[in-house]
């Protein structure tokens, strides 16, 4: 439900202005090497990129924790691209179905308005840059083994820390659902 004067349906509390750096907090979590290998196997089996699989898992995670809807996500790259990600908790949707809900909007650049969510997958493990201006940001990168490190950065005015902790807890389960096909 949207609160008057706000534009986000998925935050705990309404915010009328974009967050500043001082409004942001970070929570980290990890996926073990088994889930890292599951992601690698699913990339080959499903013919999808790791980024698409992780975005679909993020959509399922949001649905399980907050509710169903559609997220507009700014996806990191040489140019920030926009993706629409369906958030659906319906068990009848397979991993393949969830992947088809990740759609790219071509031609987005840093000059356009920001989405509520930012996502970055750093396959090379170069490290993350703090993403301010977003209600929620998820940065995923490989750890020293075959696992993945997740960095959840969020607007403390919009999210309770318990909600972000629940997102971090649900993400591995959502990833398993997506990679299971």
C-alpha atoms as a PDB file:
ATOM      1  CA  UNK A   1       0.000   0.000   0.000  1.00  0.00           C
ATOM      2  CA  UNK A   2       1.341   3.424  -0.907  1.00  0.00           C
ATOM      3  CA  UNK A   3       1.330   6.081   1.751  1.00  0.00           C
ATOM      4  CA  UNK A   4       0.406   9.639   0.687  1.00  0.00           C
ATOM      5  CA  UNK A   5       3.458  11.531  -0.545  1.00  0.00           C
ATOM      6  CA  UNK A   6       5.536   8.378  -1.097  1.00  0.00           C
ATOM      7  CA  UNK A   7       6.322   6.249  -4.121  1.00  0.00           C
ATOM      8  CA  UNK A   8       7.323   2.878  -2.626  1.00  0.00           C
ATOM      9  CA  UNK A   9       5.048  -0.039  -1.810  1.00  0.00           C
ATOM     10  CA  UNK A  10       7.614  -2.270  -0.144  1.00  0.00           C
ATOM     11  CA  UNK A  11       9.207  -0.279   2.678  1.00  0.00           C
ATOM     12  CA  UNK A  12       8.214  -0.518   6.337  1.00  0.00           C
ATOM     13  CA  UNK A  13       7.840   3.225   6.779  1.00  0.00           C
ATOM     14  CA  UNK A  14       6.941   5.965   4.305  1.00  0.00           C
ATOM     15  CA  UNK A  15       9.704   8.301   3.167  1.00  0.00           C
ATOM     16  CA  UNK A  16       9.071  11.340   1.013  1.00  0.00           C
ATOM     17  CA  UNK A  17      12.664  12.130   0.068  1.00  0.00           C
ATOM     18  CA  UNK A  18      15.591  10.049  -1.186  1.00  0.00           C
ATOM     19  CA  UNK A  19      17.969   8.888   1.532  1.00  0.00           C
ATOM     20  CA  UNK A  20      21.249  10.615   2.274  1.00  0.00           C
ATOM     21  CA  UNK A  21      24.446   8.790   3.139  1.00  0.00           C
ATOM     22  CA  UNK A  22      23.784   9.367   6.860  1.00  0.00           C
ATOM     23  CA  UNK A  23      20.406   7.596   6.516  1.00  0.00           C
ATOM     24  CA  UNK A  24      22.009   4.380   5.281  1.00  0.00           C
ATOM     25  CA  UNK A  25      22.996   1.223   7.163  1.00  0.00           C
ATOM     26  CA  UNK A  26      24.542  -2.006   5.921  1.00  0.00           C
ATOM     27  CA  UNK A  27      23.954  -5.626   6.848  1.00  0.00           C
ATOM     28  CA  UNK A  28      26.016  -8.466   5.415  1.00  0.00           C
ATOM     29  CA  UNK A  29      25.206 -12.104   4.838  1.00  0.00           C
ATOM     30  CA  UNK A  30      26.801 -14.964   2.946  1.00  0.00           C
ATOM     31  CA  UNK A  31      25.871 -17.865   0.727  1.00  0.00           C
ATOM     32  CA  UNK A  32      28.032 -20.935   1.238  1.00  0.00           C
ATOM     33  CA  UNK A  33      29.956 -22.698  -1.507  1.00  0.00           C
ATOM     34  CA  UNK A  34      27.106 -25.172  -2.078  1.00  0.00           C
ATOM     35  CA  UNK A  35      24.771 -22.317  -3.047  1.00  0.00           C
ATOM     36  CA  UNK A  36      27.547 -20.682  -5.070  1.00  0.00           C
ATOM     37  CA  UNK A  37      27.965 -23.909  -7.040  1.00  0.00           C
ATOM     38  CA  UNK A  38      24.176 -24.207  -7.361  1.00  0.00           C
ATOM     39  CA  UNK A  39      24.120 -20.745  -8.956  1.00  0.00           C
ATOM     40  CA  UNK A  40      26.922 -21.703 -11.360  1.00  0.00           C
ATOM     41  CA  UNK A  41      25.110 -24.909 -12.341  1.00  0.00           C
ATOM     42  CA  UNK A  42      21.809 -23.105 -12.826  1.00  0.00           C
ATOM     43  CA  UNK A  43      23.449 -20.574 -15.152  1.00  0.00           C
ATOM     44  CA  UNK A  44      24.391 -23.384 -17.523  1.00  0.00           C
ATOM     45  CA  UNK A  45      21.208 -25.425 -17.095  1.00  0.00           C
ATOM     46  CA  UNK A  46      18.798 -22.493 -17.420  1.00  0.00           C
ATOM     47  CA  UNK A  47      20.721 -20.520 -20.021  1.00  0.00           C
ATOM     48  CA  UNK A  48      20.539 -17.406 -17.865  1.00  0.00           C
ATOM     49  CA  UNK A  49      23.108 -15.077 -16.384  1.00  0.00           C
ATOM     50  CA  UNK A  50      23.954 -15.125 -12.693  1.00  0.00           C
ATOM     51  CA  UNK A  51      22.608 -11.573 -12.549  1.00  0.00           C
ATOM     52  CA  UNK A  52      19.182 -12.653 -13.872  1.00  0.00           C
ATOM     53  CA  UNK A  53      18.993 -15.585 -11.466  1.00  0.00           C
ATOM     54  CA  UNK A  54      19.953 -13.399  -8.504  1.00  0.00           C
ATOM     55  CA  UNK A  55      17.397 -10.738  -9.525  1.00  0.00           C
ATOM     56  CA  UNK A  56      14.663 -13.393  -9.719  1.00  0.00           C
ATOM     57  CA  UNK A  57      15.711 -14.609  -6.256  1.00  0.00           C
ATOM     58  CA  UNK A  58      15.552 -11.022  -4.973  1.00  0.00           C
ATOM     59  CA  UNK A  59      11.983 -10.757  -6.297  1.00  0.00           C
ATOM     60  CA  UNK A  60      10.961 -13.969  -4.531  1.00  0.00           C
ATOM     61  CA  UNK A  61      12.714 -12.780  -1.355  1.00  0.00           C
ATOM     62  CA  UNK A  62      10.819  -9.469  -1.348  1.00  0.00           C
ATOM     63  CA  UNK A  63       7.539 -11.328  -1.935  1.00  0.00           C
ATOM     64  CA  UNK A  64       8.142 -13.757   0.936  1.00  0.00           C
ATOM     65  CA  UNK A  65       9.184 -11.012   3.341  1.00  0.00           C
ATOM     66  CA  UNK A  66       7.081  -7.999   2.353  1.00  0.00           C
ATOM     67  CA  UNK A  67       4.485  -8.956  -0.254  1.00  0.00           C
ATOM     68  CA  UNK A  68       3.705  -9.321  -3.938  1.00  0.00           C
ATOM     69  CA  UNK A  69       4.277  -6.534  -6.442  1.00  0.00           C
ATOM     70  CA  UNK A  70       6.721  -5.331  -9.081  1.00  0.00           C
ATOM     71  CA  UNK A  71      10.094  -3.780  -8.294  1.00  0.00           C
ATOM     72  CA  UNK A  72      11.900  -1.356 -10.514  1.00  0.00           C
ATOM     73  CA  UNK A  73      15.597  -2.094 -10.013  1.00  0.00           C
ATOM     74  CA  UNK A  74      18.643  -0.147 -11.169  1.00  0.00           C
ATOM     75  CA  UNK A  75      21.224  -2.760 -12.161  1.00  0.00           C
ATOM     76  CA  UNK A  76      24.902  -1.839 -11.982  1.00  0.00           C
ATOM     77  CA  UNK A  77      27.132  -2.082 -15.005  1.00  0.00           C
ATOM     78  CA  UNK A  78      29.077   0.243 -17.265  1.00  0.00           C
ATOM     79  CA  UNK A  79      25.750   2.038 -17.578  1.00  0.00           C
ATOM     80  CA  UNK A  80      23.051   1.654 -14.938  1.00  0.00           C
ATOM     81  CA  UNK A  81      20.221  -0.324 -16.516  1.00  0.00           C
ATOM     82  CA  UNK A  82      16.659  -0.644 -15.297  1.00  0.00           C
ATOM     83  CA  UNK A  83      15.000  -4.005 -14.754  1.00  0.00           C
ATOM     84  CA  UNK A  84      11.466  -4.812 -13.669  1.00  0.00           C
ATOM     85  CA  UNK A  85      11.301  -7.754 -11.298  1.00  0.00           C
ATOM     86  CA  UNK A  86       8.062  -9.437 -10.293  1.00  0.00           C
ATOM     87  CA  UNK A  87       7.787 -10.237  -6.604  1.00  0.00           C
ATOM     88  CA  UNK A  88       5.616 -13.300  -6.313  1.00  0.00           C
ATOM     89  CA  UNK A  89       5.384 -15.764  -3.456  1.00  0.00           C
ATOM     90  CA  UNK A  90       3.106 -18.146  -5.398  1.00  0.00           C
ATOM     91  CA  UNK A  91       4.589 -21.619  -5.076  1.00  0.00           C
ATOM     92  CA  UNK A  92       3.118 -22.575  -8.465  1.00  0.00           C
ATOM     93  CA  UNK A  93       5.722 -20.376 -10.198  1.00  0.00           C
ATOM     94  CA  UNK A  94       8.792 -22.411 -11.098  1.00  0.00           C
ATOM     95  CA  UNK A  95      12.321 -21.067 -11.253  1.00  0.00           C
ATOM     96  CA  UNK A  96      11.928 -20.740 -15.017  1.00  0.00           C
ATOM     97  CA  UNK A  97       8.700 -18.774 -14.507  1.00  0.00           C
ATOM     98  CA  UNK A  98      10.428 -16.466 -12.040  1.00  0.00           C
ATOM     99  CA  UNK A  99      13.261 -15.861 -14.519  1.00  0.00           C
ATOM    100  CA  UNK A 100      10.767 -14.773 -17.176  1.00  0.00           C
ATOM    101  CA  UNK A 101       9.522 -12.062 -14.825  1.00  0.00           C
ATOM    102  CA  UNK A 102      12.910 -10.301 -14.913  1.00  0.00           C
ATOM    103  CA  UNK A 103      12.621  -7.830 -17.775  1.00  0.00           C
ATOM    104  CA  UNK A 104      15.149  -5.253 -18.830  1.00  0.00           C
ATOM    105  CA  UNK A 105      14.202  -1.753 -19.827  1.00  0.00           C
ATOM    106  CA  UNK A 106      16.760  -0.699 -22.462  1.00  0.00           C
ATOM    107  CA  UNK A 107      18.408   2.681 -22.550  1.00  0.00           C
ATOM    108  CA  UNK A 108      18.442   3.619 -18.868  1.00  0.00           C
ATOM    109  CA  UNK A 109      21.387   5.692 -17.794  1.00  0.00           C
ATOM    110  CA  UNK A 110      22.584   7.485 -14.700  1.00  0.00           C
ATOM    111  CA  UNK A 111      20.700  10.598 -15.807  1.00  0.00           C
ATOM    112  CA  UNK A 112      17.250   9.062 -15.336  1.00  0.00           C
ATOM    113  CA  UNK A 113      15.267   8.920 -12.105  1.00  0.00           C
ATOM    114  CA  UNK A 114      16.349   6.288  -9.640  1.00  0.00           C
ATOM    115  CA  UNK A 115      14.453   3.143  -8.878  1.00  0.00           C
ATOM    116  CA  UNK A 116      13.745   2.267  -5.238  1.00  0.00           C
ATOM    117  CA  UNK A 117      16.126  -0.692  -5.435  1.00  0.00           C
ATOM    118  CA  UNK A 118      19.721  -1.009  -6.610  1.00  0.00           C
ATOM    119  CA  UNK A 119      21.383  -4.328  -7.500  1.00  0.00           C
ATOM    120  CA  UNK A 120      24.977  -5.110  -8.327  1.00  0.00           C
ATOM    121  CA  UNK A 121      26.625  -8.424  -9.130  1.00  0.00           C
ATOM    122  CA  UNK A 122      30.390  -8.147  -9.083  1.00  0.00           C
ATOM    123  CA  UNK A 123      31.594 -11.439 -10.566  1.00  0.00           C
ATOM    124  CA  UNK A 124      35.198 -10.201 -10.516  1.00  0.00           C
ATOM    125  CA  UNK A 125      35.077  -9.435  -6.769  1.00  0.00           C
ATOM    126  CA  UNK A 126      36.367  -5.874  -7.115  1.00  0.00           C
ATOM    127  CA  UNK A 127      34.450  -4.664  -4.065  1.00  0.00           C
ATOM    128  CA  UNK A 128      31.373  -2.535  -3.599  1.00  0.00           C
ATOM    129  CA  UNK A 129      30.726   1.146  -3.638  1.00  0.00           C
ATOM    130  CA  UNK A 130      28.100   2.485  -1.257  1.00  0.00           C
ATOM    131  CA  UNK A 131      24.841   3.008  -3.123  1.00  0.00           C
ATOM    132  CA  UNK A 132      23.082   6.029  -1.696  1.00  0.00           C
ATOM    133  CA  UNK A 133      19.787   7.368  -2.918  1.00  0.00           C
ATOM    134  CA  UNK A 134      18.063   3.963  -2.895  1.00  0.00           C
ATOM    135  CA  UNK A 135      15.701   2.530  -0.297  1.00  0.00           C
ATOM    136  CA  UNK A 136      17.435  -0.824  -0.655  1.00  0.00           C
ATOM    137  CA  UNK A 137      20.612  -1.955  -2.357  1.00  0.00           C
ATOM    138  CA  UNK A 138      21.941  -5.485  -2.731  1.00  0.00           C
ATOM    139  CA  UNK A 139      25.538  -6.029  -3.804  1.00  0.00           C
ATOM    140  CA  UNK A 140      26.642  -9.615  -4.450  1.00  0.00           C
ATOM    141  CA  UNK A 141      30.223 -10.728  -5.000  1.00  0.00           C
ATOM    142  CA  UNK A 142      32.248 -13.936  -4.731  1.00  0.00           C
ATOM    143  CA  UNK A 143      34.010 -14.652  -1.456  1.00  0.00           C
ATOM    144  CA  UNK A 144      37.427 -16.285  -1.141  1.00  0.00           C
ATOM    145  CA  UNK A 145      35.941 -19.726  -1.884  1.00  0.00           C
ATOM    146  CA  UNK A 146      33.020 -20.709  -4.097  1.00  0.00           C
ATOM    147  CA  UNK A 147      30.450 -18.873  -1.959  1.00  0.00           C
ATOM    148  CA  UNK A 148      29.003 -15.391  -2.277  1.00  0.00           C
ATOM    149  CA  UNK A 149      29.019 -12.332  -0.016  1.00  0.00           C
ATOM    150  CA  UNK A 150      25.838 -10.241   0.101  1.00  0.00           C
ATOM    151  CA  UNK A 151      25.810  -6.637   1.244  1.00  0.00           C
ATOM    152  CA  UNK A 152      22.377  -5.217   2.015  1.00  0.00           C
ATOM    153  CA  UNK A 153      22.431  -1.415   2.254  1.00  0.00           C
ATOM    154  CA  UNK A 154      19.160   0.188   3.289  1.00  0.00           C
ATOM    155  CA  UNK A 155      17.514   3.463   4.222  1.00  0.00           C
ATOM    156  CA  UNK A 156      17.037   3.332   7.995  1.00  0.00           C
ATOM    157  CA  UNK A 157      14.115   5.742   7.695  1.00  0.00           C
ATOM    158  CA  UNK A 158      12.251   3.272   5.463  1.00  0.00           C
ATOM    159  CA  UNK A 159      13.231  -0.127   6.833  1.00  0.00           C
ATOM    160  CA  UNK A 160      13.354  -1.701  10.242  1.00  0.00           C
ATOM    161  CA  UNK A 161      16.602  -3.679  10.694  1.00  0.00           C
ATOM    162  CA  UNK A 162      14.520  -6.796  11.414  1.00  0.00           C
ATOM    163  CA  UNK A 163      12.989  -6.588   7.933  1.00  0.00           C
ATOM    164  CA  UNK A 164      16.408  -6.431   6.297  1.00  0.00           C
ATOM    165  CA  UNK A 165      17.584  -9.328   8.484  1.00  0.00           C
ATOM    166  CA  UNK A 166      14.570 -11.314   7.263  1.00  0.00           C
ATOM    167  CA  UNK A 167      15.412 -10.437   3.634  1.00  0.00           C
ATOM    168  CA  UNK A 168      18.951 -11.719   4.212  1.00  0.00           C
ATOM    169  CA  UNK A 169      17.590 -14.887   5.817  1.00  0.00           C
ATOM    170  CA  UNK A 170      15.043 -15.581   3.051  1.00  0.00           C
ATOM    171  CA  UNK A 171      17.387 -14.916   0.111  1.00  0.00           C
ATOM    172  CA  UNK A 172      19.137 -18.345   0.164  1.00  0.00           C
ATOM    173  CA  UNK A 173      15.765 -20.135   0.174  1.00  0.00           C
ATOM    174  CA  UNK A 174      14.541 -18.002  -2.716  1.00  0.00           C
ATOM    175  CA  UNK A 175      17.739 -18.716  -4.637  1.00  0.00           C
ATOM    176  CA  UNK A 176      17.215 -22.457  -4.144  1.00  0.00           C
ATOM    177  CA  UNK A 177      13.658 -22.118  -5.496  1.00  0.00           C
ATOM    178  CA  UNK A 178      14.854 -20.247  -8.584  1.00  0.00           C
ATOM    179  CA  UNK A 179      17.785 -22.559  -9.318  1.00  0.00           C
ATOM    180  CA  UNK A 180      15.614 -25.658  -8.878  1.00  0.00           C
ATOM    181  CA  UNK A 181      13.869 -24.798 -12.148  1.00  0.00           C
END
